[in-house]
Amino acid sequence: MAAIEVILPKVDMDMQTGVIAAWKVAEGDHVSTGDILFEMETGKATMEVEAPGTGVIRDLAKITGEEVQVGTTVAWIDP
């Protein structure tokens, strides 16, 4: 089974970037679909982003507090 890409999601039509405010998981953690991975700030709100699959977190991006383009891969989940 292929690894699952975790991207910075687009949550409104005019959103171009977002900021990862805080990671709720660490490299090597096991997560299940729906677990909270990180908090994301937009120009309008702070929201929680959930795991799109179940497995082990790898290649976690260390980019908290910086603007990130929508669609950027910020982690992978190995099933």
PDB file of N, CA and C in Angstrom:
ATOM      1  N   MET A   1       0.843  -1.187   0.000  1.00  0.00           N
ATOM      2  CA  MET A   1       0.000   0.000   0.000  1.00  0.00           C
ATOM      3  C   MET A   1       0.890   1.252   0.000  1.00  0.00           C
ATOM      4  N   ALA A   2       0.513   2.248  -0.740  1.00  0.00           N
ATOM      5  CA  ALA A   2       1.318   3.462  -0.899  1.00  0.00           C
ATOM      6  C   ALA A   2       1.172   4.400   0.287  1.00  0.00           C
ATOM      7  N   ALA A   3       2.220   5.184   0.513  1.00  0.00           N
ATOM      8  CA  ALA A   3       2.187   6.204   1.563  1.00  0.00           C
ATOM      9  C   ALA A   3       1.125   7.251   1.234  1.00  0.00           C
ATOM     10  N   ILE A   4       0.573   7.849   2.273  1.00  0.00           N
ATOM     11  CA  ILE A   4      -0.478   8.858   2.127  1.00  0.00           C
ATOM     12  C   ILE A   4       0.137  10.232   2.317  1.00  0.00           C
ATOM     13  N   GLU A   5      -0.065  11.112   1.353  1.00  0.00           N
ATOM     14  CA  GLU A   5       0.462  12.469   1.404  1.00  0.00           C
ATOM     15  C   GLU A   5      -0.440  13.340   2.278  1.00  0.00           C
ATOM     16  N   VAL A   6       0.196  14.121   3.168  1.00  0.00           N
ATOM     17  CA  VAL A   6      -0.536  15.096   3.981  1.00  0.00           C
ATOM     18  C   VAL A   6      -0.174  16.469   3.438  1.00  0.00           C
ATOM     19  N   ILE A   7      -1.183  17.196   2.948  1.00  0.00           N
ATOM     20  CA  ILE A   7      -0.919  18.514   2.370  1.00  0.00           C
ATOM     21  C   ILE A   7      -1.576  19.613   3.202  1.00  0.00           C
ATOM     22  N   LEU A   8      -1.091  20.824   3.014  1.00  0.00           N
ATOM     23  CA  LEU A   8      -1.744  21.982   3.612  1.00  0.00           C
ATOM     24  C   LEU A   8      -3.014  22.230   2.800  1.00  0.00           C
ATOM     25  N   PRO A   9      -4.184  22.072   3.428  1.00  0.00           N
ATOM     26  CA  PRO A   9      -5.435  22.153   2.660  1.00  0.00           C
ATOM     27  C   PRO A   9      -5.879  23.586   2.364  1.00  0.00           C
ATOM     28  N   LYS A  10      -6.660  23.716   1.314  1.00  0.00           N
ATOM     29  CA  LYS A  10      -7.306  24.985   0.976  1.00  0.00           C
ATOM     30  C   LYS A  10      -8.692  24.957   1.594  1.00  0.00           C
ATOM     31  N   VAL A  11      -8.972  25.903   2.484  1.00  0.00           N
ATOM     32  CA  VAL A  11     -10.239  25.867   3.209  1.00  0.00           C
ATOM     33  C   VAL A  11     -11.210  26.977   2.799  1.00  0.00           C
ATOM     34  N   ASP A  12     -10.758  27.892   1.961  1.00  0.00           N
ATOM     35  CA  ASP A  12     -11.698  28.841   1.355  1.00  0.00           C
ATOM     36  C   ASP A  12     -11.190  29.244  -0.016  1.00  0.00           C
ATOM     37  N   MET A  13     -12.070  29.797  -0.825  1.00  0.00           N
ATOM     38  CA  MET A  13     -11.786  30.033  -2.241  1.00  0.00           C
ATOM     39  C   MET A  13     -10.578  30.927  -2.513  1.00  0.00           C
ATOM     40  N   ASP A  14     -10.352  31.930  -1.667  1.00  0.00           N
ATOM     41  CA  ASP A  14      -9.255  32.868  -1.950  1.00  0.00           C
ATOM     42  C   ASP A  14      -8.002  32.568  -1.145  1.00  0.00           C
ATOM     43  N   MET A  15      -7.941  31.438  -0.477  1.00  0.00           N
ATOM     44  CA  MET A  15      -6.777  31.081   0.334  1.00  0.00           C
ATOM     45  C   MET A  15      -5.618  30.645  -0.559  1.00  0.00           C
ATOM     46  N   GLN A  16      -4.469  31.271  -0.378  1.00  0.00           N
ATOM     47  CA  GLN A  16      -3.254  30.931  -1.117  1.00  0.00           C
ATOM     48  C   GLN A  16      -2.202  30.293  -0.217  1.00  0.00           C
ATOM     49  N   THR A  17      -2.170  30.736   1.061  1.00  0.00           N
ATOM     50  CA  THR A  17      -1.193  30.230   2.026  1.00  0.00           C
ATOM     51  C   THR A  17      -1.866  30.027   3.379  1.00  0.00           C
ATOM     52  N   GLY A  18      -1.193  29.288   4.225  1.00  0.00           N
ATOM     53  CA  GLY A  18      -1.620  29.096   5.604  1.00  0.00           C
ATOM     54  C   GLY A  18      -0.389  28.949   6.471  1.00  0.00           C
ATOM     55  N   VAL A  19      -0.587  28.956   7.772  1.00  0.00           N
ATOM     56  CA  VAL A  19       0.521  28.838   8.710  1.00  0.00           C
ATOM     57  C   VAL A  19       0.235  27.656   9.634  1.00  0.00           C
ATOM     58  N   ILE A  20       1.205  26.749   9.749  1.00  0.00           N
ATOM     59  CA  ILE A  20       1.072  25.669  10.723  1.00  0.00           C
ATOM     60  C   ILE A  20       1.420  26.271  12.074  1.00  0.00           C
ATOM     61  N   ALA A  21       0.410  26.393  12.923  1.00  0.00           N
ATOM     62  CA  ALA A  21       0.602  27.020  14.231  1.00  0.00           C
ATOM     63  C   ALA A  21       1.247  26.049  15.219  1.00  0.00           C
ATOM     64  N   ALA A  22       0.828  24.768  15.173  1.00  0.00           N
ATOM     65  CA  ALA A  22       1.363  23.771  16.101  1.00  0.00           C
ATOM     66  C   ALA A  22       1.113  22.370  15.577  1.00  0.00           C
ATOM     67  N   TRP A  23       2.120  21.537  15.656  1.00  0.00           N
ATOM     68  CA  TRP A  23       1.967  20.121  15.345  1.00  0.00           C
ATOM     69  C   TRP A  23       1.423  19.410  16.572  1.00  0.00           C
ATOM     70  N   LYS A  24       0.510  18.487  16.384  1.00  0.00           N
ATOM     71  CA  LYS A  24      -0.061  17.680  17.471  1.00  0.00           C
ATOM     72  C   LYS A  24       0.505  16.266  17.461  1.00  0.00           C
ATOM     73  N   VAL A  25       1.371  15.979  16.493  1.00  0.00           N
ATOM     74  CA  VAL A  25       2.024  14.678  16.372  1.00  0.00           C
ATOM     75  C   VAL A  25       3.516  14.894  16.163  1.00  0.00           C
ATOM     76  N   ALA A  26       4.279  13.825  16.320  1.00  0.00           N
ATOM     77  CA  ALA A  26       5.727  13.887  16.101  1.00  0.00           C
ATOM     78  C   ALA A  26       6.131  12.795  15.114  1.00  0.00           C
ATOM     79  N   GLU A  27       7.313  12.940  14.551  1.00  0.00           N
ATOM     80  CA  GLU A  27       7.876  11.947  13.648  1.00  0.00           C
ATOM     81  C   GLU A  27       7.819  10.568  14.313  1.00  0.00           C
ATOM     82  N   GLY A  28       7.292   9.579  13.595  1.00  0.00           N
ATOM     83  CA  GLY A  28       7.235   8.219  14.119  1.00  0.00           C
ATOM     84  C   GLY A  28       5.970   7.874  14.881  1.00  0.00           C
ATOM     85  N   ASP A  29       5.112   8.876  15.159  1.00  0.00           N
ATOM     86  CA  ASP A  29       3.850   8.605  15.858  1.00  0.00           C
ATOM     87  C   ASP A  29       2.909   7.807  14.963  1.00  0.00           C
ATOM     88  N   HIS A  30       2.131   6.919  15.579  1.00  0.00           N
ATOM     89  CA  HIS A  30       1.079   6.206  14.865  1.00  0.00           C
ATOM     90  C   HIS A  30      -0.191   7.038  14.948  1.00  0.00           C
ATOM     91  N   VAL A  31      -0.849   7.256  13.805  1.00  0.00           N
ATOM     92  CA  VAL A  31      -2.099   8.023  13.765  1.00  0.00           C
ATOM     93  C   VAL A  31      -3.186   7.209  13.074  1.00  0.00           C
ATOM     94  N   SER A  32      -4.415   7.543  13.377  1.00  0.00           N
ATOM     95  CA  SER A  32      -5.573   6.936  12.732  1.00  0.00           C
ATOM     96  C   SER A  32      -6.337   8.004  11.966  1.00  0.00           C
ATOM     97  N   THR A  33      -7.068   7.596  10.950  1.00  0.00           N
ATOM     98  CA  THR A  33      -7.884   8.527  10.187  1.00  0.00           C
ATOM     99  C   THR A  33      -8.724   9.381  11.136  1.00  0.00           C
ATOM    100  N   GLY A  34      -8.666  10.687  10.954  1.00  0.00           N
ATOM    101  CA  GLY A  34      -9.443  11.600  11.780  1.00  0.00           C
ATOM    102  C   GLY A  34      -8.694  12.177  12.968  1.00  0.00           C
ATOM    103  N   ASP A  35      -7.530  11.599  13.326  1.00  0.00           N
ATOM    104  CA  ASP A  35      -6.730  12.181  14.409  1.00  0.00           C
ATOM    105  C   ASP A  35      -6.263  13.576  13.993  1.00  0.00           C
ATOM    106  N   ILE A  36      -6.128  14.473  14.950  1.00  0.00           N
ATOM    107  CA  ILE A  36      -5.653  15.829  14.662  1.00  0.00           C
ATOM    108  C   ILE A  36      -4.141  15.791  14.455  1.00  0.00           C
ATOM    109  N   LEU A  37      -3.686  16.290  13.287  1.00  0.00           N
ATOM    110  CA  LEU A  37      -2.257  16.329  12.977  1.00  0.00           C
ATOM    111  C   LEU A  37      -1.629  17.672  13.334  1.00  0.00           C
ATOM    112  N   PHE A  38      -2.324  18.766  12.957  1.00  0.00           N
ATOM    113  CA  PHE A  38      -1.775  20.092  13.242  1.00  0.00           C
ATOM    114  C   PHE A  38      -2.869  21.140  13.264  1.00  0.00           C
ATOM    115  N   GLU A  39      -2.533  22.281  13.868  1.00  0.00           N
ATOM    116  CA  GLU A  39      -3.414  23.445  13.840  1.00  0.00           C
ATOM    117  C   GLU A  39      -2.903  24.372  12.754  1.00  0.00           C
ATOM    118  N   MET A  40      -3.829  24.876  11.940  1.00  0.00           N
ATOM    119  CA  MET A  40      -3.483  25.749  10.830  1.00  0.00           C
ATOM    120  C   MET A  40      -4.186  27.083  11.001  1.00  0.00           C
ATOM    121  N   GLU A  41      -3.428  28.159  10.806  1.00  0.00           N
ATOM    122  CA  GLU A  41      -4.000  29.500  10.853  1.00  0.00           C
ATOM    123  C   GLU A  41      -4.153  30.026   9.438  1.00  0.00           C
ATOM    124  N   THR A  42      -5.306  30.626   9.164  1.00  0.00           N
ATOM    125  CA  THR A  42      -5.533  31.321   7.906  1.00  0.00           C
ATOM    126  C   THR A  42      -5.756  32.779   8.258  1.00  0.00           C
ATOM    127  N   GLY A  43      -6.031  33.596   7.272  1.00  0.00           N
ATOM    128  CA  GLY A  43      -6.320  34.997   7.542  1.00  0.00           C
ATOM    129  C   GLY A  43      -7.609  35.187   8.327  1.00  0.00           C
ATOM    130  N   LYS A  44      -8.429  34.152   8.375  1.00  0.00           N
ATOM    131  CA  LYS A  44      -9.750  34.276   8.986  1.00  0.00           C
ATOM    132  C   LYS A  44      -9.934  33.457  10.260  1.00  0.00           C
ATOM    133  N   ALA A  45      -9.213  32.337  10.416  1.00  0.00           N
ATOM    134  CA  ALA A  45      -9.487  31.452  11.553  1.00  0.00           C
ATOM    135  C   ALA A  45      -8.320  30.503  11.808  1.00  0.00           C
ATOM    136  N   THR A  46      -8.389  29.826  12.952  1.00  0.00           N
ATOM    137  CA  THR A  46      -7.480  28.723  13.259  1.00  0.00           C
ATOM    138  C   THR A  46      -8.307  27.448  13.233  1.00  0.00           C
ATOM    139  N   MET A  47      -7.800  26.424  12.572  1.00  0.00           N
ATOM    140  CA  MET A  47      -8.543  25.175  12.480  1.00  0.00           C
ATOM    141  C   MET A  47      -7.611  23.988  12.651  1.00  0.00           C
ATOM    142  N   GLU A  48      -8.199  22.845  12.976  1.00  0.00           N
ATOM    143  CA  GLU A  48      -7.446  21.615  13.131  1.00  0.00           C
ATOM    144  C   GLU A  48      -7.521  20.816  11.836  1.00  0.00           C
ATOM    145  N   VAL A  49      -6.392  20.222  11.460  1.00  0.00           N
ATOM    146  CA  VAL A  49      -6.327  19.408  10.249  1.00  0.00           C
ATOM    147  C   VAL A  49      -6.167  17.953  10.680  1.00  0.00           C
ATOM    148  N   GLU A  50      -7.026  17.098  10.127  1.00  0.00           N
ATOM    149  CA  GLU A  50      -7.086  15.691  10.507  1.00  0.00           C
ATOM    150  C   GLU A  50      -6.263  14.805   9.575  1.00  0.00           C
ATOM    151  N   ALA A  51      -5.865  13.659  10.096  1.00  0.00           N
ATOM    152  CA  ALA A  51      -5.135  12.661   9.313  1.00  0.00           C
ATOM    153  C   ALA A  51      -6.046  12.074   8.234  1.00  0.00           C
ATOM    154  N   PRO A  52      -5.567  12.023   6.989  1.00  0.00           N
ATOM    155  CA  PRO A  52      -6.368  11.446   5.909  1.00  0.00           C
ATOM    156  C   PRO A  52      -6.265   9.925   5.826  1.00  0.00           C
ATOM    157  N   GLY A  53      -5.517   9.314   6.735  1.00  0.00           N
ATOM    158  CA  GLY A  53      -5.358   7.871   6.720  1.00  0.00           C
ATOM    159  C   GLY A  53      -4.722   7.390   8.007  1.00  0.00           C
ATOM    160  N   THR A  54      -4.498   6.087   8.089  1.00  0.00           N
ATOM    161  CA  THR A  54      -3.923   5.460   9.274  1.00  0.00           C
ATOM    162  C   THR A  54      -2.524   4.951   8.965  1.00  0.00           C
ATOM    163  N   GLY A  55      -1.599   5.171   9.909  1.00  0.00           N
ATOM    164  CA  GLY A  55      -0.234   4.699   9.739  1.00  0.00           C
ATOM    165  C   GLY A  55       0.723   5.471  10.624  1.00  0.00           C
ATOM    166  N   VAL A  56       1.985   5.532  10.182  1.00  0.00           N
ATOM    167  CA  VAL A  56       3.051   6.164  10.953  1.00  0.00           C
ATOM    168  C   VAL A  56       3.498   7.450  10.254  1.00  0.00           C
ATOM    169  N   ILE A  57       3.593   8.529  11.028  1.00  0.00           N
ATOM    170  CA  ILE A  57       4.019   9.837  10.493  1.00  0.00           C
ATOM    171  C   ILE A  57       5.499   9.788  10.130  1.00  0.00           C
ATOM    172  N   ARG A  58       5.818  10.287   8.933  1.00  0.00           N
ATOM    173  CA  ARG A  58       7.221  10.441   8.533  1.00  0.00           C
ATOM    174  C   ARG A  58       7.372  11.717   7.711  1.00  0.00           C
ATOM    175  N   ASP A  59       8.615  12.158   7.601  1.00  0.00           N
ATOM    176  CA  ASP A  59       8.964  13.363   6.822  1.00  0.00           C
ATOM    177  C   ASP A  59       8.131  14.564   7.245  1.00  0.00           C
ATOM    178  N   LEU A  60       7.970  14.733   8.544  1.00  0.00           N
ATOM    179  CA  LEU A  60       7.206  15.843   9.102  1.00  0.00           C
ATOM    180  C   LEU A  60       7.942  17.154   8.817  1.00  0.00           C
ATOM    181  N   ALA A  61       7.269  18.106   8.187  1.00  0.00           N
ATOM    182  CA  ALA A  61       7.874  19.392   7.865  1.00  0.00           C
ATOM    183  C   ALA A  61       8.031  20.228   9.136  1.00  0.00           C
ATOM    184  N   LYS A  62       9.184  20.783   9.326  1.00  0.00           N
ATOM    185  CA  LYS A  62       9.454  21.614  10.509  1.00  0.00           C
ATOM    186  C   LYS A  62       9.243  23.084  10.142  1.00  0.00           C
ATOM    187  N   ILE A  63       8.020  23.430   9.764  1.00  0.00           N
ATOM    188  CA  ILE A  63       7.755  24.778   9.251  1.00  0.00           C
ATOM    189  C   ILE A  63       6.676  25.495  10.058  1.00  0.00           C
ATOM    190  N   THR A  64       6.710  25.349  11.362  1.00  0.00           N
ATOM    191  CA  THR A  64       5.713  26.052  12.168  1.00  0.00           C
ATOM    192  C   THR A  64       5.999  27.548  12.172  1.00  0.00           C
ATOM    193  N   GLY A  65       4.922  28.320  12.113  1.00  0.00           N
ATOM    194  CA  GLY A  65       5.031  29.769  12.193  1.00  0.00           C
ATOM    195  C   GLY A  65       5.367  30.475  10.890  1.00  0.00           C
ATOM    196  N   GLU A  66       5.550  29.729   9.812  1.00  0.00           N
ATOM    197  CA  GLU A  66       5.883  30.323   8.519  1.00  0.00           C
ATOM    198  C   GLU A  66       4.736  30.114   7.537  1.00  0.00           C
ATOM    199  N   GLU A  67       4.587  31.029   6.596  1.00  0.00           N
ATOM    200  CA  GLU A  67       3.565  30.856   5.569  1.00  0.00           C
ATOM    201  C   GLU A  67       3.953  29.706   4.646  1.00  0.00           C
ATOM    202  N   VAL A  68       2.959  28.870   4.332  1.00  0.00           N
ATOM    203  CA  VAL A  68       3.161  27.713   3.478  1.00  0.00           C
ATOM    204  C   VAL A  68       2.115  27.769   2.368  1.00  0.00           C
ATOM    205  N   GLN A  69       2.527  27.483   1.152  1.00  0.00           N
ATOM    206  CA  GLN A  69       1.597  27.463   0.018  1.00  0.00           C
ATOM    207  C   GLN A  69       0.571  26.346   0.190  1.00  0.00           C
ATOM    208  N   VAL A  70      -0.669  26.619  -0.155  1.00  0.00           N
ATOM    209  CA  VAL A  70      -1.713  25.602  -0.187  1.00  0.00           C
ATOM    210  C   VAL A  70      -1.256  24.471  -1.103  1.00  0.00           C
ATOM    211  N   GLY A  71      -1.477  23.240  -0.701  1.00  0.00           N
ATOM    212  CA  GLY A  71      -1.092  22.087  -1.513  1.00  0.00           C
ATOM    213  C   GLY A  71       0.307  21.556  -1.244  1.00  0.00           C
ATOM    214  N   THR A  72       1.069  22.268  -0.396  1.00  0.00           N
ATOM    215  CA  THR A  72       2.410  21.819  -0.055  1.00  0.00           C
ATOM    216  C   THR A  72       2.332  20.555   0.793  1.00  0.00           C
ATOM    217  N   THR A  73       3.176  19.578   0.483  1.00  0.00           N
ATOM    218  CA  THR A  73       3.258  18.365   1.299  1.00  0.00           C
ATOM    219  C   THR A  73       3.957  18.719   2.608  1.00  0.00           C
ATOM    220  N   VAL A  74       3.270  18.428   3.731  1.00  0.00           N
ATOM    221  CA  VAL A  74       3.846  18.757   5.045  1.00  0.00           C
ATOM    222  C   VAL A  74       4.185  17.515   5.857  1.00  0.00           C
ATOM    223  N   ALA A  75       3.771  16.343   5.407  1.00  0.00           N
ATOM    224  CA  ALA A  75       4.108  15.082   6.058  1.00  0.00           C
ATOM    225  C   ALA A  75       3.638  13.927   5.170  1.00  0.00           C
ATOM    226  N   TRP A  76       4.035  12.723   5.543  1.00  0.00           N
ATOM    227  CA  TRP A  76       3.578  11.497   4.905  1.00  0.00           C
ATOM    228  C   TRP A  76       3.099  10.546   5.999  1.00  0.00           C
ATOM    229  N   ILE A  77       2.160   9.682   5.652  1.00  0.00           N
ATOM    230  CA  ILE A  77       1.701   8.638   6.558  1.00  0.00           C
ATOM    231  C   ILE A  77       1.987   7.309   5.869  1.00  0.00           C
ATOM    232  N   ASP A  78       2.874   6.498   6.490  1.00  0.00           N
ATOM    233  CA  ASP A  78       3.154   5.159   5.976  1.00  0.00           C
ATOM    234  C   ASP A  78       2.132   4.193   6.554  1.00  0.00           C
ATOM    235  N   PRO A  79       1.390   3.505   5.711  1.00  0.00           N
ATOM    236  CA  PRO A  79       0.371   2.558   6.226  1.00  0.00           C
ATOM    237  C   PRO A  79       1.017   1.381   6.963  1.00  0.00           C
TER     238      PRO A  79
END
